[in-house]
Amino acid sequence: MKMNTFMGGFMPVQDGGMKANAHVPASALVYEEIRSRIISLALPPETTLVRAELAESFKVSQSPVREAIMRLEQDGLVASYPQSRTIVTKIDVARIREEHFLRVAAECEVVRQLAEMGETGAVVKAKGIIKMQEALAGDIEQIDLFKQLDETFHAALFTGVNQSNLHVQVTARSGHLARVRMLDLPRAGKMLSVLEGHKAVIAAIQSGDGNLASSEMRKHLSGTMERLPQIVEENWELFS
């Protein structure tokens, strides 16, 4: 199979961080940008990333790029070969199942604890996010904003039980799952399904029933997994 090659187009950064936030290392900015492109499939599986070209595109030395690539390798999103050539990995079904298991285990416990805590600031924030999603649900042109709100919703729940760092770790270890969710999301019906799932989770939390909240979260997170065989069949070239 002929591989795509990265042709540039990233926003430049400066070694030591962007001017807008001098406390963020350049390697972290490079990592976040490349990861975002991989997750969104703007950099599809088997795209070749050449470190020298990435450094030139980002306007940084190769050191931040090398560090970013190492983190992406740990996430399982790229594989490196001699001569500084790096390939975006194909989506691995076995890893999807592992990542889904991890996410379900963490988020079900998060909402169980929230249910025991009652109405918290996190729940109030989550309800506000749901209202914004209601205005977007069904409008495919707003899919990117809808997805951002989805991520913010789940992050708010983790924050509500003082587990923001855990959310970061789960997200970093869920790259393959995130890509398959990206393939599943561009449907009006999926947007509505996500919205209804969020509503059900919050209603269960507010009821004070931890088991119900956990059950609703498990159900909410299982939609893409139920469609996984169909998604693989429709996009077979992206999977290993």
Protein backbone atom coordinates (compact mmCIF):
# COMPACT_ATOMS: atom_id res chain seq x y z
CA MET A 1 0.00 0.00 0.00
CA LYS A 2 1.31 3.44 -0.88
CA MET A 3 1.80 5.59 2.19
CA ASN A 4 0.81 9.23 2.57
CA THR A 5 3.54 11.66 3.54
CA PHE A 6 3.10 14.62 5.85
CA MET A 7 3.31 17.80 3.79
CA GLY A 8 3.39 20.44 6.53
CA GLY A 9 0.67 22.85 7.62
CA PHE A 10 1.19 22.97 11.37
CA MET A 11 1.21 26.18 13.35
CA PRO A 12 4.78 27.25 14.23
CA VAL A 13 5.90 27.24 17.86
CA GLN A 14 9.06 28.40 19.56
CA ASP A 15 11.46 26.23 21.55
CA GLY A 16 10.49 26.68 25.19
CA GLY A 17 6.87 27.42 24.34
CA MET A 18 4.62 29.68 22.33
CA LYS A 19 4.66 33.38 23.12
CA ALA A 20 1.05 33.08 24.32
CA ASN A 21 2.12 30.62 27.06
CA ALA A 22 5.84 30.58 27.76
CA HIS A 23 5.40 27.95 30.49
CA VAL A 24 4.31 25.21 28.05
CA PRO A 25 7.29 23.28 26.62
CA ALA A 26 7.58 23.22 22.84
CA SER A 27 7.56 19.41 22.94
CA ALA A 28 4.14 19.45 24.63
CA LEU A 29 2.73 21.80 22.00
CA VAL A 30 4.13 19.66 19.18
CA TYR A 31 2.74 16.52 20.84
CA GLU A 32 -0.75 17.97 21.31
CA GLU A 33 -0.92 19.26 17.74
CA ILE A 34 0.24 16.03 16.10
CA ARG A 35 -1.95 13.93 18.39
CA SER A 36 -4.97 16.08 17.55
CA ARG A 37 -4.33 15.60 13.84
CA ILE A 38 -3.98 11.83 14.28
CA ILE A 39 -7.15 11.53 16.38
CA SER A 40 -9.15 13.62 13.90
CA LEU A 41 -7.74 11.44 11.07
CA ALA A 42 -6.34 14.54 9.37
CA LEU A 43 -3.17 12.42 9.61
CA PRO A 44 -4.61 9.00 8.67
CA PRO A 45 -2.97 5.65 9.39
CA GLU A 46 0.22 4.98 7.42
CA THR A 47 1.01 8.66 6.97
CA THR A 48 4.78 9.14 7.07
CA LEU A 49 6.07 11.80 9.47
CA VAL A 50 9.66 12.91 8.87
CA ARG A 51 11.12 14.51 11.99
CA ALA A 52 13.23 17.04 10.11
CA GLU A 53 10.19 18.19 8.16
CA LEU A 54 8.11 18.41 11.34
CA ALA A 55 10.79 20.51 13.01
CA GLU A 56 10.87 22.87 10.06
CA SER A 57 7.07 23.11 9.95
CA PHE A 58 6.83 23.87 13.68
CA LYS A 59 9.84 26.20 13.55
CA VAL A 60 11.57 24.31 16.36
CA SER A 61 14.70 22.21 16.71
CA GLN A 62 14.43 18.44 16.32
CA SER A 63 14.68 17.90 20.09
CA PRO A 64 11.03 18.88 20.89
CA VAL A 65 9.86 16.86 17.91
CA ARG A 66 11.81 13.82 19.11
CA GLU A 67 10.27 14.13 22.58
CA ALA A 68 6.78 14.49 21.12
CA ILE A 69 7.28 11.43 18.91
CA MET A 70 8.39 9.39 21.95
CA ARG A 71 5.15 10.30 23.76
CA LEU A 72 3.09 9.42 20.70
CA GLU A 73 4.86 6.05 20.53
CA GLN A 74 3.92 5.44 24.16
CA ASP A 75 0.31 6.22 23.22
CA GLY A 76 0.53 3.66 20.39
CA LEU A 77 -0.32 6.26 17.77
CA VAL A 78 2.96 6.19 15.84
CA ALA A 79 5.79 3.75 15.18
CA SER A 80 9.33 4.90 14.42
CA TYR A 81 11.92 3.37 12.10
CA PRO A 82 15.55 4.14 11.17
CA GLN A 83 16.44 7.37 9.34
CA SER A 84 14.07 9.35 11.59
CA ARG A 85 10.98 8.09 9.74
CA THR A 86 7.77 7.76 11.74
CA ILE A 87 4.51 6.17 10.61
CA VAL A 88 1.03 6.81 11.99
CA THR A 89 -0.21 3.42 13.18
CA LYS A 90 -3.32 1.73 11.91
CA ILE A 91 -6.24 1.46 14.31
CA ASP A 92 -5.87 -1.67 16.42
CA VAL A 93 -9.12 -3.42 17.40
CA ALA A 94 -7.51 -5.22 20.35
CA ARG A 95 -6.27 -1.90 21.73
CA ILE A 96 -9.71 -0.37 21.21
CA ARG A 97 -11.20 -3.02 23.48
CA GLU A 98 -8.49 -2.50 26.12
CA GLU A 99 -8.93 1.28 26.04
CA HIS A 100 -12.70 0.95 26.26
CA PHE A 101 -12.33 -1.34 29.29
CA LEU A 102 -10.12 1.26 30.99
CA ARG A 103 -12.45 4.14 30.22
CA VAL A 104 -15.57 2.31 31.39
CA ALA A 105 -13.89 1.25 34.65
CA ALA A 106 -12.79 4.81 35.42
CA GLU A 107 -15.91 6.69 34.38
CA CYS A 108 -18.38 4.32 36.01
CA GLU A 109 -16.60 4.84 39.33
CA VAL A 110 -16.52 8.61 38.76
CA VAL A 111 -20.27 8.88 38.35
CA ARG A 112 -20.88 6.46 41.22
CA GLN A 113 -19.00 8.82 43.52
CA LEU A 114 -20.74 11.88 42.09
CA ALA A 115 -24.13 10.29 42.84
CA GLU A 116 -23.11 9.94 46.47
CA MET A 117 -22.07 13.60 46.62
CA GLY A 118 -25.36 15.09 45.42
CA GLU A 119 -25.67 18.32 43.41
CA THR A 120 -22.12 19.59 42.93
CA GLY A 121 -20.54 22.29 40.82
CA ALA A 122 -19.43 19.60 38.39
CA VAL A 123 -23.02 18.48 37.88
CA VAL A 124 -24.17 22.06 37.35
CA LYS A 125 -21.43 22.55 34.76
CA ALA A 126 -22.30 19.28 33.03
CA LYS A 127 -25.95 20.35 32.79
CA GLY A 128 -24.86 23.62 31.19
CA ILE A 129 -22.80 21.70 28.63
CA ILE A 130 -25.83 19.55 27.83
CA LYS A 131 -27.87 22.69 27.06
CA MET A 132 -25.21 23.81 24.59
CA GLN A 133 -25.15 20.37 22.99
CA GLU A 134 -28.92 20.47 22.60
CA ALA A 135 -28.53 23.50 20.36
CA LEU A 136 -26.09 21.60 18.14
CA ALA A 137 -27.49 18.06 18.07
CA GLY A 138 -28.46 17.00 14.56
CA ASP A 139 -26.43 19.71 12.82
CA ILE A 140 -23.53 17.84 11.19
CA GLU A 141 -21.78 21.11 10.35
CA GLN A 142 -21.35 21.68 14.10
CA ILE A 143 -19.82 18.26 14.72
CA ASP A 144 -16.42 19.60 15.81
CA LEU A 145 -17.92 21.91 18.44
CA PHE A 146 -20.26 19.14 19.58
CA LYS A 147 -17.27 16.82 20.04
CA GLN A 148 -15.38 19.46 22.03
CA LEU A 149 -18.38 19.83 24.32
CA ASP A 150 -18.54 16.05 24.70
CA GLU A 151 -14.93 15.99 25.86
CA THR A 152 -15.56 18.90 28.22
CA PHE A 153 -18.59 17.11 29.69
CA HIS A 154 -16.58 14.03 30.63
CA ALA A 155 -13.64 16.10 31.90
CA ALA A 156 -16.02 18.01 34.19
CA LEU A 157 -17.18 14.77 35.80
CA PHE A 158 -13.60 13.72 36.58
CA THR A 159 -12.90 17.17 38.01
CA GLY A 160 -15.96 16.79 40.24
CA VAL A 161 -14.29 13.92 42.12
CA ASN A 162 -10.82 15.53 42.07
CA GLN A 163 -9.50 13.13 39.43
CA SER A 164 -8.48 15.52 36.65
CA ASN A 165 -5.07 13.89 36.34
CA LEU A 166 -6.72 10.51 35.90
CA HIS A 167 -8.81 11.96 33.06
CA VAL A 168 -5.60 13.14 31.36
CA GLN A 169 -4.07 9.67 31.73
CA VAL A 170 -7.16 7.86 30.42
CA THR A 171 -7.38 10.24 27.46
CA ALA A 172 -3.71 9.75 26.60
CA ARG A 173 -4.18 5.97 26.66
CA SER A 174 -7.32 6.03 24.50
CA GLY A 175 -5.99 7.12 21.11
CA HIS A 176 -7.21 4.10 19.16
CA LEU A 177 -10.65 4.33 20.75
CA ALA A 178 -10.76 8.06 20.02
CA ARG A 179 -10.09 7.44 16.35
CA VAL A 180 -12.84 4.88 16.00
CA ARG A 181 -15.22 7.24 17.84
CA MET A 182 -14.27 9.88 15.29
CA LEU A 183 -15.36 7.50 12.53
CA ASP A 184 -18.64 6.87 14.36
CA LEU A 185 -19.58 10.42 15.31
CA PRO A 186 -20.34 12.19 11.98
CA ARG A 187 -23.99 11.12 12.08
CA ALA A 188 -26.96 13.16 13.22
CA GLY A 189 -28.35 10.07 14.96
CA LYS A 190 -25.08 9.56 16.86
CA MET A 191 -25.11 13.17 18.07
CA LEU A 192 -28.61 12.70 19.45
CA SER A 193 -27.60 9.40 21.04
CA VAL A 194 -24.65 11.05 22.79
CA LEU A 195 -26.90 13.85 24.04
CA GLU A 196 -29.48 11.44 25.43
CA GLY A 197 -26.70 9.46 27.10
CA HIS A 198 -25.41 12.58 28.83
CA LYS A 199 -28.90 13.45 30.05
CA ALA A 200 -29.44 9.95 31.42
CA VAL A 201 -26.11 9.97 33.26
CA ILE A 202 -26.81 13.33 34.91
CA ALA A 203 -30.36 12.31 35.85
CA ALA A 204 -28.99 9.16 37.50
CA ILE A 205 -26.35 11.16 39.37
CA GLN A 206 -29.00 13.57 40.64
CA SER A 207 -31.15 10.66 41.80
CA GLY A 208 -28.38 9.71 44.22
CA ASP A 209 -28.32 6.13 42.92
CA GLY A 210 -24.68 5.25 42.32
CA ASN A 211 -25.47 1.90 40.71
CA LEU A 212 -27.89 3.52 38.28
CA ALA A 213 -25.38 6.25 37.44
CA SER A 214 -22.73 3.62 36.76
CA SER A 215 -25.15 1.62 34.61
CA GLU A 216 -26.13 4.66 32.56
CA MET A 217 -22.50 5.61 31.99
CA ARG A 218 -21.65 2.06 30.91
CA LYS A 219 -24.55 2.16 28.45
CA HIS A 220 -23.50 5.60 27.19
CA LEU A 221 -19.93 4.49 26.52
CA SER A 222 -20.96 1.29 24.73
CA GLY A 223 -22.61 2.73 21.62
CA THR A 224 -19.51 2.87 19.44
CA MET A 225 -18.38 -0.57 20.60
CA GLU A 226 -21.69 -2.06 19.52
CA ARG A 227 -21.14 -0.62 16.04
CA LEU A 228 -17.45 -1.56 15.91
CA PRO A 229 -17.80 -4.48 13.45
CA GLN A 230 -19.72 -2.25 11.02
CA ILE A 231 -17.23 0.61 11.42
CA VAL A 232 -14.32 -1.74 10.71
CA GLU A 233 -16.08 -3.14 7.65
CA GLU A 234 -16.80 0.34 6.27
CA ASN A 235 -13.25 1.61 6.92
CA TRP A 236 -11.20 -1.57 6.65
CA GLU A 237 -8.17 0.20 5.15
CA LEU A 238 -7.66 2.17 8.38
CA PHE A 239 -7.48 -0.91 10.63
CA SER A 240 -4.67 -3.38 11.26
